[in-house]
Amino acid sequence: MLCQHCKKNAATVSYVEIINGEKFESRLCDSCYNELLGELGSKANNDLWAGLFGEPSVKEKKCSVCGTRYSDYERTGLLGCPNCYDMFREELLPSIRRIQGKVDHVGKAAQNNDELGLHRRLKSLQEQLEQALKERRYADAGKLNSQILLINKTLYGGGEEDE
């Protein structure tokens, strides 16, 4: 069924209002419903109406970069751009906490003890060792070398042999 207001989009909201025993029924698309919500709310003079469908009675926040609204995210599960994460931070945090268990990103590489993670760590330590030697920070270089030997022992079953 088409929206009774714009007659273009499919109607997704059915609004029934009974005033003085007379029944008024409207079928609207999402955009017309959002546009007319203030008018429909004032007809019934009832703030409960706005809360029934989860629509806020105040103006909804909109991303300043891409124009995405939080209701768009709720409907599709997609945000429009990286700025949306900052714009809707307060609304997103409870969902992220519920889904992920935490809201701070730690990353995989720091806790990754599989072979690929160890190789990445080894390469990083070797680069740091080279830099420390160039800068003549021999105490730091010694610590880095110890860490490199530990990773080599884990990866290859023994330390690197001297050449």
Protein backbone atom coordinates (compact mmCIF):
# COMPACT_ATOMS: atom_id res chain seq x y z
CA MET A 1 0.00 0.00 0.00
CA LEU A 2 1.29 3.46 -0.87
CA CYS A 3 1.75 6.31 1.57
CA GLN A 4 -1.44 8.39 1.75
CA HIS A 5 0.57 11.61 2.05
CA CYS A 6 3.24 11.46 -0.70
CA LYS A 7 1.68 8.62 -2.74
CA LYS A 8 5.22 7.54 -3.77
CA ASN A 9 6.72 5.27 -1.11
CA ALA A 10 5.37 2.14 0.54
CA ALA A 11 3.44 2.82 3.73
CA THR A 12 5.21 1.39 6.79
CA VAL A 13 3.34 3.14 9.61
CA SER A 14 -0.36 2.82 10.28
CA TYR A 15 -1.78 5.54 12.51
CA VAL A 16 -5.29 5.23 13.94
CA GLU A 17 -6.84 7.97 16.04
CA ILE A 18 -10.32 8.06 17.55
CA ILE A 19 -11.60 11.53 18.40
CA ASN A 20 -15.11 11.93 19.78
CA GLY A 21 -16.01 8.45 18.58
CA GLU A 22 -14.84 9.16 15.03
CA LYS A 23 -12.06 6.97 13.64
CA PHE A 24 -9.25 8.58 11.60
CA GLU A 25 -6.74 6.25 9.95
CA SER A 26 -3.51 7.13 8.10
CA ARG A 27 -0.94 4.93 6.42
CA LEU A 28 2.39 6.70 5.94
CA CYS A 29 5.94 6.00 4.78
CA ASP A 30 8.83 6.58 7.21
CA SER A 31 9.80 9.97 5.80
CA CYS A 32 6.23 11.34 5.81
CA TYR A 33 5.67 9.92 9.28
CA ASN A 34 8.78 11.74 10.54
CA GLU A 35 7.72 14.92 8.76
CA LEU A 36 4.16 14.83 10.11
CA LEU A 37 4.91 13.51 13.60
CA GLY A 38 4.55 16.93 15.17
CA GLU A 39 1.18 17.44 13.47
CA LEU A 40 -0.11 13.99 14.42
CA GLY A 41 1.16 14.37 17.98
CA SER A 42 -0.65 17.68 18.37
CA LYS A 43 -3.91 16.21 17.02
CA ALA A 44 -3.98 13.65 19.77
CA ASN A 45 -2.28 16.04 22.19
CA ASN A 46 -0.54 13.02 23.61
CA ASP A 47 3.23 12.70 24.19
CA LEU A 48 2.81 8.95 24.61
CA TRP A 49 2.18 8.63 20.85
CA ALA A 50 5.72 9.76 20.05
CA GLY A 51 7.18 7.20 22.47
CA LEU A 52 5.19 4.25 21.11
CA PHE A 53 7.28 4.02 17.96
CA GLY A 54 10.58 5.07 19.50
CA GLU A 55 10.58 8.42 17.74
CA PRO A 56 11.96 11.24 19.86
CA SER A 57 9.74 14.26 20.33
CA VAL A 58 12.78 16.56 20.08
CA LYS A 59 14.73 17.13 16.88
CA GLU A 60 16.87 14.10 16.10
CA LYS A 61 20.67 14.43 15.87
CA LYS A 62 22.09 14.33 12.37
CA CYS A 63 25.71 13.77 11.29
CA SER A 64 27.19 17.06 10.09
CA VAL A 65 29.32 15.30 7.45
CA CYS A 66 27.06 12.72 5.78
CA GLY A 67 23.58 13.60 7.11
CA THR A 68 22.91 10.18 8.64
CA ARG A 69 20.40 10.16 11.50
CA TYR A 70 20.50 7.78 14.44
CA SER A 71 17.14 6.36 13.34
CA ASP A 72 18.82 5.47 10.01
CA TYR A 73 21.43 3.49 11.96
CA GLU A 74 18.72 1.76 14.02
CA ARG A 75 16.84 0.80 10.87
CA THR A 76 19.81 -0.37 8.75
CA GLY A 77 22.60 -1.09 11.24
CA LEU A 78 24.96 1.05 9.14
CA LEU A 79 26.59 4.39 9.87
CA GLY A 80 27.33 6.81 7.04
CA CYS A 81 30.91 7.88 7.80
CA PRO A 82 33.62 7.83 10.52
CA ASN A 83 32.27 11.11 11.94
CA CYS A 84 29.02 9.29 12.83
CA TYR A 85 30.89 7.40 15.58
CA ASP A 86 31.72 10.72 17.25
CA MET A 87 28.30 12.24 16.62
CA PHE A 88 26.32 9.28 18.04
CA ARG A 89 28.88 8.23 20.67
CA GLU A 90 26.47 8.28 23.64
CA GLU A 91 23.85 6.28 21.74
CA LEU A 92 26.34 3.74 20.35
CA LEU A 93 28.31 2.98 23.53
CA PRO A 94 25.62 0.82 25.22
CA SER A 95 25.17 -1.26 22.06
CA ILE A 96 28.91 -1.67 21.54
CA ARG A 97 29.38 -2.61 25.20
CA ARG A 98 26.55 -5.16 24.96
CA ILE A 99 27.87 -6.72 21.75
CA GLN A 100 31.64 -6.52 22.29
CA GLY A 101 31.78 -6.66 26.09
CA LYS A 102 33.97 -3.55 26.19
CA VAL A 103 34.29 -0.22 24.40
CA ASP A 104 38.08 0.19 24.27
CA HIS A 105 39.82 -1.21 21.21
CA VAL A 106 42.95 -3.13 22.14
CA GLY A 107 43.75 -4.65 18.78
CA LYS A 108 44.87 -8.14 17.92
CA ALA A 109 48.61 -7.64 17.47
CA ALA A 110 49.31 -6.75 21.12
CA GLN A 111 47.83 -9.99 22.44
CA ASN A 112 48.47 -12.15 19.40
CA ASN A 113 50.75 -15.05 20.35
CA ASP A 114 50.27 -17.13 17.22
CA GLU A 115 53.15 -17.49 14.78
CA LEU A 116 52.11 -14.55 12.59
CA GLY A 117 51.81 -12.28 15.63
CA LEU A 118 55.22 -13.35 16.88
CA HIS A 119 56.78 -12.66 13.48
CA ARG A 120 55.24 -9.18 13.48
CA ARG A 121 56.54 -8.54 16.99
CA LEU A 122 59.98 -9.86 16.03
CA LYS A 123 60.19 -7.53 13.01
CA SER A 124 59.14 -4.56 15.14
CA LEU A 125 61.73 -5.37 17.81
CA GLN A 126 64.47 -5.77 15.20
CA GLU A 127 63.65 -2.33 13.78
CA GLN A 128 63.73 -0.86 17.29
CA LEU A 129 67.06 -2.60 17.93
CA GLU A 130 68.58 -1.10 14.78
CA GLN A 131 67.39 2.37 15.79
CA ALA A 132 68.73 1.97 19.33
CA LEU A 133 72.14 0.90 17.98
CA LYS A 134 72.25 3.84 15.57
CA GLU A 135 71.50 6.19 18.47
CA ARG A 136 74.06 4.37 20.69
CA ARG A 137 71.48 3.45 23.32
CA TYR A 138 73.20 0.22 24.26
CA ALA A 139 71.15 -0.49 27.41
CA ASP A 140 67.92 -0.32 25.40
CA ALA A 141 69.51 -2.41 22.66
CA GLY A 142 70.40 -5.10 25.21
CA LYS A 143 66.79 -5.30 26.45
CA LEU A 144 65.47 -5.45 22.91
CA ASN A 145 67.97 -8.17 22.03
CA SER A 146 66.76 -10.23 25.01
CA GLN A 147 63.17 -9.94 23.81
CA ILE A 148 64.24 -10.93 20.28
CA LEU A 149 66.01 -14.02 21.63
CA LEU A 150 62.89 -15.06 23.57
CA ILE A 151 60.71 -14.79 20.48
CA ASN A 152 63.25 -16.68 18.39
CA LYS A 153 63.33 -19.41 21.02
CA THR A 154 59.52 -19.64 20.90
CA LEU A 155 59.41 -19.67 17.11
CA TYR A 156 62.37 -21.87 16.30
CA GLY A 157 62.99 -23.87 19.47
CA GLY A 158 66.29 -22.18 20.22
CA GLY A 159 68.03 -18.83 20.09
CA GLU A 160 69.68 -17.33 17.06
CA GLU A 161 73.15 -18.62 16.68
CA ASP A 162 75.98 -16.13 16.44
CA GLU A 163 77.46 -15.77 12.98
